[in-house]
Amino acid sequence: MNKDLALVAARIDPLIKVSIPESERAAFYSFAYNVGTGAFAKFSLLKRK
């Protein structure tokens, strides 16, 4: 699971353009892990951040 999370983090971190709390970043990782990084990239909340 750590390997999977590291892969998700590597794909998600470049998409987050502003500073966010670690707890919010962890929630984004969890969401992206569950829906997939491709779907996360289209996530409308990400565009508001």
N, C-alpha and C. Protein backbone atom coordinates (compact mmCIF):
# COMPACT_ATOMS: atom_id res chain seq x y z
N MET A 1 0.82 -1.19 0.00
CA MET A 1 0.00 0.00 0.00
C MET A 1 0.86 1.26 0.00
N ASN A 2 1.98 1.25 0.71
CA ASN A 2 2.87 2.42 0.71
C ASN A 2 3.36 2.73 -0.69
N LYS A 3 3.64 1.69 -1.46
CA LYS A 3 4.10 1.88 -2.83
C LYS A 3 3.00 2.52 -3.67
N ASP A 4 1.77 2.05 -3.48
CA ASP A 4 0.63 2.62 -4.20
C ASP A 4 0.42 4.08 -3.83
N LEU A 5 0.52 4.38 -2.54
CA LEU A 5 0.33 5.75 -2.07
C LEU A 5 1.42 6.67 -2.61
N ALA A 6 2.64 6.17 -2.67
CA ALA A 6 3.74 6.97 -3.22
C ALA A 6 3.49 7.27 -4.70
N LEU A 7 2.96 6.32 -5.41
CA LEU A 7 2.63 6.53 -6.83
C LEU A 7 1.52 7.57 -6.98
N VAL A 8 0.49 7.46 -6.16
CA VAL A 8 -0.60 8.45 -6.19
C VAL A 8 -0.05 9.83 -5.86
N ALA A 9 0.75 9.93 -4.82
CA ALA A 9 1.32 11.22 -4.41
C ALA A 9 2.15 11.83 -5.54
N ALA A 10 2.94 11.01 -6.21
CA ALA A 10 3.79 11.50 -7.30
C ALA A 10 2.95 12.04 -8.46
N ARG A 11 1.78 11.48 -8.67
CA ARG A 11 0.91 11.94 -9.76
C ARG A 11 0.04 13.13 -9.35
N ILE A 12 -0.29 13.21 -8.07
CA ILE A 12 -1.21 14.24 -7.59
C ILE A 12 -0.50 15.53 -7.20
N ASP A 13 0.66 15.42 -6.57
CA ASP A 13 1.36 16.62 -6.09
C ASP A 13 1.55 17.70 -7.16
N PRO A 14 1.93 17.35 -8.38
CA PRO A 14 2.09 18.40 -9.40
C PRO A 14 0.78 19.11 -9.77
N LEU A 15 -0.35 18.49 -9.49
CA LEU A 15 -1.64 19.09 -9.82
C LEU A 15 -2.10 20.11 -8.78
N ILE A 16 -1.54 20.04 -7.59
CA ILE A 16 -1.93 20.95 -6.50
C ILE A 16 -1.02 22.16 -6.57
N LYS A 17 -1.58 23.27 -6.98
CA LYS A 17 -0.79 24.48 -7.28
C LYS A 17 -0.66 25.44 -6.11
N VAL A 18 -1.38 25.22 -5.02
CA VAL A 18 -1.33 26.12 -3.87
C VAL A 18 -0.96 25.32 -2.62
N SER A 19 -0.56 26.04 -1.60
CA SER A 19 -0.23 25.40 -0.33
C SER A 19 -1.52 24.98 0.37
N ILE A 20 -1.59 23.72 0.79
CA ILE A 20 -2.76 23.22 1.52
C ILE A 20 -2.27 22.47 2.75
N PRO A 21 -3.11 22.37 3.78
CA PRO A 21 -2.73 21.61 4.97
C PRO A 21 -2.49 20.14 4.64
N GLU A 22 -1.63 19.51 5.40
CA GLU A 22 -1.33 18.09 5.18
C GLU A 22 -2.58 17.22 5.28
N SER A 23 -3.50 17.59 6.16
CA SER A 23 -4.72 16.80 6.29
C SER A 23 -5.56 16.85 5.01
N GLU A 24 -5.60 18.00 4.36
CA GLU A 24 -6.33 18.12 3.10
C GLU A 24 -5.60 17.37 1.99
N ARG A 25 -4.29 17.45 1.99
CA ARG A 25 -3.49 16.71 0.99
C ARG A 25 -3.73 15.20 1.16
N ALA A 26 -3.77 14.73 2.40
CA ALA A 26 -4.02 13.31 2.67
C ALA A 26 -5.40 12.91 2.17
N ALA A 27 -6.38 13.79 2.35
CA ALA A 27 -7.73 13.49 1.87
C ALA A 27 -7.74 13.42 0.34
N PHE A 28 -7.00 14.31 -0.32
CA PHE A 28 -6.90 14.27 -1.78
C PHE A 28 -6.24 12.97 -2.23
N TYR A 29 -5.19 12.54 -1.54
CA TYR A 29 -4.53 11.28 -1.88
C TYR A 29 -5.51 10.12 -1.77
N SER A 30 -6.26 10.10 -0.69
CA SER A 30 -7.23 9.03 -0.47
C SER A 30 -8.29 9.02 -1.57
N PHE A 31 -8.80 10.19 -1.88
CA PHE A 31 -9.81 10.31 -2.94
C PHE A 31 -9.24 9.84 -4.27
N ALA A 32 -8.04 10.31 -4.60
CA ALA A 32 -7.41 9.95 -5.88
C ALA A 32 -7.13 8.45 -5.94
N TYR A 33 -6.73 7.87 -4.83
CA TYR A 33 -6.48 6.43 -4.77
C TYR A 33 -7.76 5.66 -5.11
N ASN A 34 -8.88 6.15 -4.60
CA ASN A 34 -10.16 5.45 -4.79
C ASN A 34 -10.79 5.67 -6.15
N VAL A 35 -10.70 6.88 -6.69
CA VAL A 35 -11.34 7.15 -7.99
C VAL A 35 -10.38 7.06 -9.16
N GLY A 36 -9.10 7.06 -8.86
CA GLY A 36 -8.08 7.03 -9.91
C GLY A 36 -7.50 8.41 -10.14
N THR A 37 -6.24 8.46 -10.49
CA THR A 37 -5.58 9.75 -10.66
C THR A 37 -6.09 10.51 -11.88
N GLY A 38 -6.52 9.80 -12.90
CA GLY A 38 -7.08 10.47 -14.08
C GLY A 38 -8.37 11.20 -13.75
N ALA A 39 -9.24 10.54 -13.00
CA ALA A 39 -10.49 11.18 -12.58
C ALA A 39 -10.20 12.33 -11.62
N PHE A 40 -9.22 12.15 -10.75
CA PHE A 40 -8.87 13.21 -9.81
C PHE A 40 -8.40 14.45 -10.55
N ALA A 41 -7.66 14.28 -11.62
CA ALA A 41 -7.15 15.43 -12.39
C ALA A 41 -8.29 16.27 -12.95
N LYS A 42 -9.46 15.66 -13.12
CA LYS A 42 -10.63 16.39 -13.64
C LYS A 42 -11.54 16.90 -12.52
N PHE A 43 -11.18 16.63 -11.28
CA PHE A 43 -11.96 16.99 -10.11
C PHE A 43 -12.15 18.50 -10.03
N SER A 44 -13.39 18.97 -9.97
CA SER A 44 -13.66 20.41 -10.03
C SER A 44 -13.11 21.17 -8.82
N LEU A 45 -13.07 20.56 -7.65
CA LEU A 45 -12.52 21.25 -6.48
C LEU A 45 -11.04 21.56 -6.68
N LEU A 46 -10.34 20.69 -7.36
CA LEU A 46 -8.92 20.92 -7.64
C LEU A 46 -8.74 22.19 -8.46
N LYS A 47 -9.63 22.45 -9.35
CA LYS A 47 -9.54 23.64 -10.20
C LYS A 47 -9.79 24.92 -9.41
N ARG A 48 -10.47 24.82 -8.27
CA ARG A 48 -10.73 25.99 -7.43
C ARG A 48 -9.59 26.27 -6.48
N LYS A 49 -8.71 25.35 -6.30
CA LYS A 49 -7.61 25.50 -5.33
C LYS A 49 -6.47 26.28 -5.92
